[in-house]
Protein backbone atom coordinates (compact mmCIF):
# COMPACT_ATOMS: atom_id res chain seq x y z
CA UNK A 1 -23.70 -44.18 -76.65
CA UNK A 2 -21.72 -42.49 -79.41
CA UNK A 3 -23.22 -42.76 -82.89
CA UNK A 4 -20.83 -41.97 -85.71
CA UNK A 5 -23.16 -40.62 -88.38
CA UNK A 6 -21.94 -41.72 -91.80
CA UNK A 7 -25.30 -40.69 -93.22
CA UNK A 8 -24.94 -40.16 -96.95
CA UNK A 9 -21.24 -39.34 -96.82
CA UNK A 10 -20.56 -42.56 -98.72
CA UNK A 11 -21.71 -40.71 -101.89
CA UNK A 12 -23.39 -43.92 -103.05
CA UNK A 13 -20.04 -45.72 -103.30
CA UNK A 14 -19.69 -49.10 -101.55
CA UNK A 15 -15.93 -48.89 -100.88
CA UNK A 16 -16.45 -45.48 -99.28
CA UNK A 17 -19.27 -46.82 -97.12
CA UNK A 18 -17.15 -49.72 -95.91
CA UNK A 19 -14.21 -47.44 -95.15
CA UNK A 20 -16.49 -45.22 -93.08
CA UNK A 21 -17.39 -48.26 -90.97
CA UNK A 22 -13.70 -49.00 -90.45
CA UNK A 23 -13.01 -45.43 -89.36
CA UNK A 24 -15.93 -45.39 -86.92
CA UNK A 25 -14.80 -48.67 -85.37
CA UNK A 26 -11.18 -47.55 -85.11
CA UNK A 27 -12.25 -44.28 -83.47
CA UNK A 28 -14.16 -46.19 -80.77
CA UNK A 29 -17.74 -45.30 -81.68
CA UNK A 30 -20.51 -47.55 -80.36
CA UNK A 31 -22.49 -47.43 -83.60
CA UNK A 32 -22.15 -46.27 -87.18
CA UNK A 33 -25.32 -45.00 -88.80
CA UNK A 34 -26.38 -44.70 -92.42
CA UNK A 35 -29.64 -43.62 -94.09
CA UNK A 36 -32.13 -45.91 -95.83
CA UNK A 37 -34.63 -44.61 -98.37
CA UNK A 38 -35.89 -44.62 -101.93
CA UNK A 39 -35.77 -41.15 -103.42
CA UNK A 40 -39.18 -41.36 -105.11
CA UNK A 41 -40.83 -42.29 -101.80
CA UNK A 42 -39.57 -39.31 -99.83
CA UNK A 43 -39.10 -36.36 -102.19
CA UNK A 44 -41.42 -34.96 -104.80
CA UNK A 45 -40.09 -33.87 -108.17
CA UNK A 46 -40.82 -30.25 -107.25
CA UNK A 47 -39.08 -30.28 -103.84
CA UNK A 48 -36.39 -27.57 -103.60
CA UNK A 49 -33.01 -28.08 -101.99
CA UNK A 50 -32.18 -26.58 -98.63
CA UNK A 51 -29.80 -23.61 -98.73
CA UNK A 52 -26.91 -25.66 -97.35
CA UNK A 53 -27.52 -28.31 -100.04
CA UNK A 54 -27.41 -25.65 -102.76
CA UNK A 55 -24.03 -24.50 -101.44
CA UNK A 56 -22.50 -27.98 -101.26
CA UNK A 57 -23.93 -29.60 -104.40
CA UNK A 58 -24.89 -28.62 -107.94
CA UNK A 59 -27.48 -25.89 -107.43
CA UNK A 60 -29.18 -26.76 -110.74
CA UNK A 61 -29.72 -30.37 -109.68
CA UNK A 62 -33.12 -31.18 -108.12
CA UNK A 63 -33.36 -32.54 -104.61
CA UNK A 64 -34.81 -35.82 -105.86
CA UNK A 65 -31.90 -36.29 -108.25
CA UNK A 66 -29.41 -35.54 -105.49
CA UNK A 67 -31.14 -37.98 -103.11
CA UNK A 68 -31.30 -40.68 -105.78
CA UNK A 69 -27.49 -40.61 -106.13
CA UNK A 70 -27.17 -41.26 -102.41
CA UNK A 71 -29.42 -44.32 -102.15
CA UNK A 72 -28.03 -47.58 -100.79
CA UNK A 73 -29.32 -50.78 -102.42
CA UNK A 74 -30.48 -53.78 -100.42
CA UNK A 75 -27.37 -55.64 -101.48
CA UNK A 76 -25.19 -52.81 -100.20
CA UNK A 77 -27.01 -52.93 -96.85
CA UNK A 78 -26.08 -56.59 -96.50
CA UNK A 79 -22.43 -55.76 -97.10
CA UNK A 80 -22.58 -52.92 -94.60
CA UNK A 81 -24.19 -55.09 -91.92
CA UNK A 82 -21.56 -57.78 -92.43
CA UNK A 83 -18.71 -55.26 -92.25
CA UNK A 84 -20.15 -53.87 -89.00
CA UNK A 85 -20.30 -57.39 -87.59
CA UNK A 86 -16.68 -57.99 -88.56
CA UNK A 87 -15.54 -54.73 -86.99
CA UNK A 88 -17.56 -55.18 -83.80
CA UNK A 89 -19.60 -52.01 -84.15
CA UNK A 90 -23.39 -51.65 -84.05
CA UNK A 91 -25.07 -51.13 -87.40
CA UNK A 92 -27.75 -48.45 -87.54
CA UNK A 93 -29.58 -46.71 -90.33
CA UNK A 94 -32.28 -44.06 -90.35
CA UNK A 95 -35.40 -45.04 -92.32
CA UNK A 96 -37.17 -42.26 -94.21
CA UNK A 97 -40.12 -44.28 -95.56
CA UNK A 98 -42.31 -47.17 -94.40
CA UNK A 99 -40.76 -49.99 -96.49
CA UNK A 100 -37.34 -48.91 -95.21
CA UNK A 101 -38.48 -49.36 -91.59
CA UNK A 102 -39.59 -52.91 -92.38
CA UNK A 103 -36.41 -53.69 -94.30
CA UNK A 104 -34.15 -52.48 -91.49
CA UNK A 105 -36.14 -54.51 -88.98
CA UNK A 106 -35.65 -57.58 -91.18
CA UNK A 107 -31.89 -57.00 -90.95
CA UNK A 108 -32.12 -57.34 -87.17
CA UNK A 109 -31.62 -53.66 -86.39
CA UNK A 110 -32.93 -53.07 -82.88
CA UNK A 111 -32.18 -49.37 -82.33
CA UNK A 112 -34.53 -47.37 -84.54
CA UNK A 113 -33.64 -43.76 -85.28
CA UNK A 114 -36.33 -41.28 -86.31
CA UNK A 115 -34.79 -38.18 -87.93
CA UNK A 116 -35.90 -34.65 -87.11
CA UNK A 117 -37.72 -34.24 -90.41
CA UNK A 118 -39.99 -37.19 -89.64
CA UNK A 119 -41.10 -36.13 -86.14
CA UNK A 120 -44.45 -35.05 -87.60
CA UNK A 121 -44.79 -38.11 -89.87
CA UNK A 122 -47.48 -40.09 -88.07
CA UNK A 123 -47.40 -43.16 -90.36
CA UNK A 124 -43.64 -43.52 -90.03
CA UNK A 125 -43.70 -42.99 -86.25
CA UNK A 126 -46.38 -45.63 -85.95
CA UNK A 127 -44.40 -48.09 -88.08
CA UNK A 128 -41.26 -47.50 -85.98
CA UNK A 129 -43.26 -48.09 -82.79
CA UNK A 130 -44.54 -51.40 -84.20
CA UNK A 131 -41.05 -52.41 -85.32
CA UNK A 132 -39.80 -51.76 -81.80
CA UNK A 133 -42.62 -53.82 -80.32
CA UNK A 134 -41.89 -56.70 -82.71
CA UNK A 135 -38.18 -56.82 -81.87
CA UNK A 136 -37.14 -59.53 -79.45
CA UNK A 137 -33.85 -57.83 -78.64
CA UNK A 138 -33.11 -56.91 -75.04
CA UNK A 139 -31.29 -53.84 -76.38
CA UNK A 140 -34.13 -52.51 -78.52
CA UNK A 141 -34.65 -48.76 -78.39
CA UNK A 142 -36.06 -45.80 -80.31
CA UNK A 143 -34.03 -42.63 -80.78
CA UNK A 144 -36.05 -39.59 -81.78
CA UNK A 145 -34.34 -36.45 -83.10
CA UNK A 146 -36.23 -33.29 -82.24
CA UNK A 147 -34.70 -30.63 -84.51
CA UNK A 148 -37.10 -27.88 -85.67
CA UNK A 149 -39.78 -29.09 -83.22
CA UNK A 150 -41.71 -27.59 -80.34
CA UNK A 151 -42.27 -29.32 -77.01
CA UNK A 152 -45.85 -30.02 -78.09
CA UNK A 153 -44.69 -31.75 -81.28
CA UNK A 154 -42.27 -33.88 -79.25
CA UNK A 155 -45.09 -34.88 -76.91
CA UNK A 156 -47.34 -35.81 -79.84
CA UNK A 157 -44.60 -37.97 -81.39
CA UNK A 158 -43.99 -39.74 -78.06
CA UNK A 159 -47.72 -40.48 -77.77
CA UNK A 160 -47.82 -42.00 -81.27
CA UNK A 161 -44.78 -44.16 -80.54
CA UNK A 162 -46.24 -45.30 -77.23
CA UNK A 163 -49.61 -46.18 -78.74
CA UNK A 164 -47.81 -48.22 -81.41
CA UNK A 165 -45.79 -50.19 -78.88
CA UNK A 166 -42.72 -48.12 -77.97
CA UNK A 167 -43.26 -46.72 -74.44
CA UNK A 168 -41.62 -43.49 -73.39
CA UNK A 169 -39.00 -45.22 -71.25
CA UNK A 170 -37.77 -46.94 -74.43
CA UNK A 171 -37.19 -43.62 -76.20
CA UNK A 172 -34.17 -41.33 -76.22
CA UNK A 173 -34.86 -37.78 -77.34
CA UNK A 174 -32.02 -36.11 -79.20
CA UNK A 175 -31.92 -32.35 -79.00
CA UNK A 176 -30.82 -31.04 -82.38
CA UNK A 177 -30.45 -27.84 -84.39
CA UNK A 178 -31.31 -28.72 -87.98
CA UNK A 179 -28.88 -26.52 -89.86
CA UNK A 180 -25.60 -27.57 -91.48
CA UNK A 181 -23.46 -26.35 -89.87
CA UNK A 182 -25.52 -25.21 -86.90
CA UNK A 183 -24.65 -21.74 -85.52
CA UNK A 184 -23.27 -22.12 -82.00
CA UNK A 185 -25.58 -19.39 -80.68
CA UNK A 186 -28.59 -21.43 -81.83
CA UNK A 187 -27.59 -24.75 -80.27
CA UNK A 188 -29.51 -24.20 -76.99
CA UNK A 189 -28.11 -27.20 -75.12
CA UNK A 190 -30.23 -26.43 -72.08
CA UNK A 191 -33.26 -27.61 -74.07
CA UNK A 192 -32.09 -31.13 -73.21
CA UNK A 193 -32.86 -30.41 -69.56
CA UNK A 194 -36.21 -28.93 -70.54
CA UNK A 195 -37.17 -32.13 -72.36
CA UNK A 196 -35.89 -34.29 -69.52
CA UNK A 197 -38.06 -32.38 -67.05
CA UNK A 198 -41.10 -32.37 -69.36
CA UNK A 199 -40.97 -36.10 -70.06
CA UNK A 200 -39.91 -38.02 -66.94
CA UNK A 201 -38.43 -41.41 -67.73
CA UNK A 202 -37.34 -40.39 -71.21
CA UNK A 203 -33.58 -40.29 -71.79
CA UNK A 204 -32.05 -37.31 -73.57
CA UNK A 205 -29.09 -36.86 -75.88
CA UNK A 206 -27.69 -34.57 -78.55
CA UNK A 207 -27.38 -34.76 -82.32
CA UNK A 208 -24.59 -32.29 -83.06
CA UNK A 209 -24.45 -30.35 -86.32
CA UNK A 210 -21.99 -27.68 -85.15
CA UNK A 211 -18.43 -27.27 -86.36
CA UNK A 212 -16.00 -28.80 -83.88
CA UNK A 213 -16.56 -30.91 -80.80
CA UNK A 214 -17.19 -28.41 -77.99
CA UNK A 215 -20.98 -28.67 -78.12
CA UNK A 216 -20.95 -32.47 -78.05
CA UNK A 217 -18.64 -32.67 -75.05
CA UNK A 218 -20.61 -29.99 -73.21
CA UNK A 219 -23.80 -31.96 -73.88
CA UNK A 220 -22.29 -34.98 -72.13
CA UNK A 221 -21.52 -32.82 -69.09
CA UNK A 222 -25.18 -31.71 -69.13
CA UNK A 223 -26.41 -35.31 -69.05
CA UNK A 224 -26.64 -36.44 -72.68
CA UNK A 225 -26.78 -40.24 -72.83
CA UNK A 226 -26.45 -40.41 -76.62
CA UNK A 227 -24.18 -38.32 -78.85
CA UNK A 228 -24.60 -38.37 -82.63
CA UNK A 229 -22.11 -36.65 -84.91
CA UNK A 230 -21.56 -36.64 -88.68
CA UNK A 231 -18.16 -37.69 -89.95
CA UNK A 232 -16.49 -38.02 -93.34
CA UNK A 233 -13.27 -39.27 -94.82
CA UNK A 234 -12.62 -35.87 -96.38
CA UNK A 235 -14.52 -32.59 -96.05
CA UNK A 236 -13.60 -31.72 -99.64
CA UNK A 237 -15.56 -34.64 -101.10
CA UNK A 238 -18.65 -33.70 -103.13
CA UNK A 239 -21.96 -34.10 -101.34
CA UNK A 240 -24.38 -32.22 -99.08
CA UNK A 241 -23.06 -33.17 -95.61
CA UNK A 242 -19.26 -33.40 -95.88
CA UNK A 243 -18.57 -29.76 -95.03
CA UNK A 244 -20.32 -30.02 -91.65
CA UNK A 245 -18.74 -33.37 -90.73
CA UNK A 246 -15.75 -34.37 -88.63
CA UNK A 247 -12.62 -35.80 -90.21
CA UNK A 248 -11.44 -39.21 -88.92
CA UNK A 249 -8.89 -37.59 -86.60
CA UNK A 250 -11.52 -35.20 -85.25
CA UNK A 251 -13.96 -38.05 -84.67
CA UNK A 252 -11.30 -39.90 -82.67
CA UNK A 253 -10.60 -36.73 -80.67
CA UNK A 254 -14.28 -36.16 -79.93
CA UNK A 255 -14.77 -39.73 -78.74
CA UNK A 256 -11.74 -39.47 -76.45
CA UNK A 257 -13.08 -36.19 -75.04
CA UNK A 258 -16.55 -37.65 -74.47
CA UNK A 259 -15.13 -40.70 -72.69
CA UNK A 260 -13.03 -38.42 -70.47
CA UNK A 261 -16.10 -36.34 -69.60
CA UNK A 262 -17.99 -39.55 -68.78
CA UNK A 263 -15.26 -40.59 -66.36
CA UNK A 264 -15.08 -37.10 -64.88
CA UNK A 265 -18.81 -36.95 -64.11
CA UNK A 266 -18.54 -39.42 -61.21
CA UNK A 267 -21.37 -40.42 -58.88
CA UNK A 268 -22.11 -36.98 -57.42
CA UNK A 269 -21.22 -37.95 -53.82
CA UNK A 270 -18.93 -35.35 -52.24
CA UNK A 271 -16.15 -37.36 -50.59
CA UNK A 272 -12.36 -37.70 -50.90
CA UNK A 273 -11.36 -39.71 -53.93
CA UNK A 274 -8.92 -42.63 -53.51
CA UNK A 275 -6.08 -40.64 -55.04
CA UNK A 276 -6.77 -37.69 -52.69
CA UNK A 277 -6.49 -39.76 -49.50
CA UNK A 278 -2.72 -40.15 -49.80
CA UNK A 279 -2.32 -36.38 -50.23
CA UNK A 280 -4.61 -35.27 -47.43
CA UNK A 281 -2.08 -35.16 -44.57
CA UNK A 282 0.58 -33.69 -46.85
CA UNK A 283 -1.39 -30.63 -47.92
CA UNK A 284 -3.51 -30.11 -44.80
CA UNK A 285 -2.10 -28.61 -41.60
CA UNK A 286 -2.09 -29.29 -37.89
CA UNK A 287 -1.46 -27.22 -34.76
CA UNK A 288 2.25 -26.87 -33.93
CA UNK A 289 4.38 -24.91 -31.54
CA UNK A 290 5.34 -21.47 -32.88
CA UNK A 291 7.95 -20.99 -30.15
CA UNK A 292 9.52 -23.10 -27.43
CA UNK A 293 6.77 -24.14 -25.01
CA UNK A 294 7.49 -25.35 -21.48
CA UNK A 295 5.41 -27.71 -19.39
CA UNK A 296 2.82 -25.64 -17.53
CA UNK A 297 2.72 -22.84 -20.13
CA UNK A 298 -0.64 -21.72 -21.40
CA UNK A 299 -1.35 -22.30 -25.08
CA UNK A 300 -1.79 -18.89 -26.75
CA UNK A 301 -2.05 -17.40 -30.19
CA UNK A 302 1.55 -16.29 -29.76
CA UNK A 303 3.07 -19.71 -29.04
CA UNK A 304 0.91 -21.77 -31.41
CA UNK A 305 0.62 -21.75 -35.19
CA UNK A 306 -0.65 -23.95 -38.02
CA UNK A 307 1.68 -25.75 -40.44
CA UNK A 308 1.95 -28.78 -42.70
CA UNK A 309 1.78 -31.77 -42.51
CA UNK A 310 -1.68 -32.42 -41.18
CA UNK A 311 -0.83 -35.47 -39.08
CA UNK A 312 -1.57 -33.87 -35.71
CA UNK A 313 -4.47 -32.00 -34.11
CA UNK A 314 -6.70 -30.35 -36.72
CA UNK A 315 -6.73 -26.54 -36.81
CA UNK A 316 -10.51 -26.88 -36.55
CA UNK A 317 -9.84 -27.51 -32.80
CA UNK A 318 -7.86 -24.25 -32.40
CA UNK A 319 -10.39 -22.70 -30.05
CA UNK A 320 -10.51 -25.88 -27.93
CA UNK A 321 -6.75 -25.73 -27.24
CA UNK A 322 -6.22 -22.00 -26.66
CA UNK A 323 -6.08 -21.15 -22.95
CA UNK A 324 -5.26 -24.68 -21.82
CA UNK A 325 -2.01 -25.81 -20.19
CA UNK A 326 0.75 -27.85 -21.77
CA UNK A 327 1.65 -31.11 -20.02
CA UNK A 328 5.17 -31.19 -21.55
CA UNK A 329 7.85 -29.23 -23.33
CA UNK A 330 7.62 -28.49 -27.09
CA UNK A 331 10.24 -27.28 -29.53
CA UNK A 332 9.27 -24.90 -32.40
CA UNK A 333 7.42 -26.67 -35.28
CA UNK A 334 6.66 -29.69 -33.07
CA UNK A 335 3.06 -30.89 -33.47
CA UNK A 336 0.94 -30.48 -30.35
CA UNK A 337 0.04 -33.90 -29.03
CA UNK A 338 -3.52 -35.01 -28.59
CA UNK A 339 -3.08 -36.15 -24.96
CA UNK A 340 -0.39 -33.85 -23.60
CA UNK A 341 -2.41 -30.86 -22.57
CA UNK A 342 -4.98 -30.39 -19.83
CA UNK A 343 -8.01 -28.20 -19.60
CA UNK A 344 -8.24 -25.45 -16.95
């Protein structure tokens, strides 16, 4: 599942939000995800901005004022849901407060995303677990981002979700490095495997905050079942997340790369592929005469050799044939027949 993370890159503008949906659908994403919140419910007046937010927005502006500009109204949500329906892409949004969980559930959203910053928010985790349990959808799921967390914190969050009605096998854990952009040396993709081993039955994925698409495609090769990536219409737009987001062309390229990696993973069984079968005899070799061989001659290392094509006796039977007697004449390069030699 590829989630194109629009997040707050709509800058609070409806036309921009709708265009982001169009781009995600055209790029081939499975879902486009926004963020649902009321600023006063999630940020105190004294809350400072993160360093990356100070660099990408007005440093003198408070975090609550910045967040307030990025809110989506209920009416806007309805428009977004309808546009997603029209474009055939799954609507998702991350709730950051309890009323937002309930509101998103009322919209019919059945994949609930818990962001990294809320992994220690017991009330919100409990409400998400209940929303999952109340959903009648056969595709309902909880996706839990684990940025900034320890394995113990992940375990505690899973327990809260399970006790509220979302069992572990309904949860996908997203490994994440919560920095924008995330330094490549701090990505630690192998932590996905650690979580998969620690929590059997729980699916794992990757929420990618790095520049570029290498980390996301590598995560798929390591077994990620969900990829989440921020995208924007233009990295030069004002706002906290645009700089660390993919452009539309880059989003399309990432999705193509991920789909290719999916196809390349295969089933793990070591066997010739259908396209290899037709090449096997052409590139393999068989035992042929190196010189003219007369009936009654012994087969030796001097009068035998191995050459293409491989439509005769396999060179793996070399030792079986050496020292035996030819039953007929052979010209150089002629394949040794399977029934025209006799053992001594």
